[in-house]
Amino acid sequence: FDPQAPENGRIQVRVDMQSARLDDADNQAMLPGKDWFFTEKFPDAQFVSTAIRHGAQAGQYIAEGTLTLR
């Protein structure tokens, strides 16, 4: 990633879906299940950028891309 040419960069992020947390214990128990993230079959989410550009403020960047949850 070059801050002077963010359009030439690429972002790829993997998220462990078991790390998702809610303040409500009942809903927290539902997150890994088949109706939500189904972490048994889909343990990771992934974001891959398709475009990166400068944001409105210095040091700010905007990434567009695809987030795959399941």
Protein backbone atom coordinates (compact mmCIF):
# COMPACT_ATOMS: atom_id res chain seq x y z
CA PHE A 1 0.00 0.00 0.00
CA ASP A 2 1.41 3.35 -1.10
CA PRO A 3 -0.32 6.28 0.65
CA GLN A 4 0.52 8.48 -2.34
CA ALA A 5 -1.13 6.06 -4.80
CA PRO A 6 -3.80 4.11 -2.92
CA GLU A 7 -5.49 3.15 -6.19
CA ASN A 8 -2.58 0.75 -6.77
CA GLY A 9 -3.10 -1.01 -3.45
CA ARG A 10 -5.11 -4.05 -2.49
CA ILE A 11 -6.74 -5.01 0.79
CA GLN A 12 -7.63 -8.54 1.79
CA VAL A 13 -8.96 -9.16 5.31
CA ARG A 14 -10.00 -12.45 6.92
CA VAL A 15 -12.27 -12.34 9.96
CA ASP A 16 -12.76 -15.27 12.33
CA MET A 17 -16.55 -15.32 12.68
CA GLN A 18 -16.28 -16.96 16.10
CA SER A 19 -14.92 -13.59 17.27
CA ALA A 20 -18.27 -11.80 16.66
CA ARG A 21 -19.70 -10.51 19.94
CA LEU A 22 -23.04 -9.03 21.04
CA ASP A 23 -24.05 -7.54 24.39
CA ASP A 24 -27.12 -9.78 24.56
CA ALA A 25 -26.38 -13.37 25.67
CA ASP A 26 -29.47 -14.84 23.97
CA ASN A 27 -28.60 -13.33 20.61
CA GLN A 28 -24.90 -14.11 21.10
CA ALA A 29 -25.75 -17.81 21.32
CA MET A 30 -27.60 -17.58 17.99
CA LEU A 31 -24.77 -15.95 15.97
CA PRO A 32 -22.80 -19.14 15.17
CA GLY A 33 -25.97 -21.04 14.21
CA LYS A 34 -27.35 -21.91 10.77
CA ASP A 35 -29.73 -18.93 10.75
CA TRP A 36 -26.88 -16.42 11.12
CA PHE A 37 -23.19 -16.95 10.41
CA PHE A 38 -23.21 -20.80 10.42
CA THR A 39 -19.62 -20.80 11.65
CA GLU A 40 -19.38 -24.60 11.60
CA LYS A 41 -19.52 -24.52 7.79
CA PHE A 42 -18.30 -20.93 7.20
CA PRO A 43 -15.73 -20.12 9.90
CA ASP A 44 -14.32 -17.04 8.14
CA ALA A 45 -15.60 -13.88 6.49
CA GLN A 46 -13.44 -12.16 3.91
CA PHE A 47 -13.19 -8.64 2.51
CA VAL A 48 -11.32 -8.04 -0.75
CA SER A 49 -10.98 -4.52 -2.09
CA THR A 50 -11.85 -3.57 -5.64
CA ALA A 51 -10.87 0.09 -5.25
CA ILE A 52 -9.01 2.27 -2.75
CA ARG A 53 -8.99 6.07 -2.83
CA HIS A 54 -8.10 9.05 -0.66
CA GLY A 55 -10.73 10.17 1.83
CA ALA A 56 -11.78 13.71 2.67
CA GLN A 57 -9.15 14.14 5.41
CA ALA A 58 -5.41 13.64 5.34
CA GLY A 59 -4.50 10.04 6.15
CA GLN A 60 -8.04 8.82 5.46
CA TYR A 61 -8.74 6.22 2.79
CA ILE A 62 -11.91 4.66 1.42
CA ALA A 63 -11.95 1.05 0.30
CA GLU A 64 -14.70 -0.48 -1.80
CA GLY A 65 -14.93 -4.20 -2.27
CA THR A 66 -16.68 -7.45 -1.62
CA LEU A 67 -17.51 -8.81 1.82
CA THR A 68 -18.23 -12.54 1.81
CA LEU A 69 -19.91 -13.89 4.95
CA ARG A 70 -21.21 -17.27 3.85
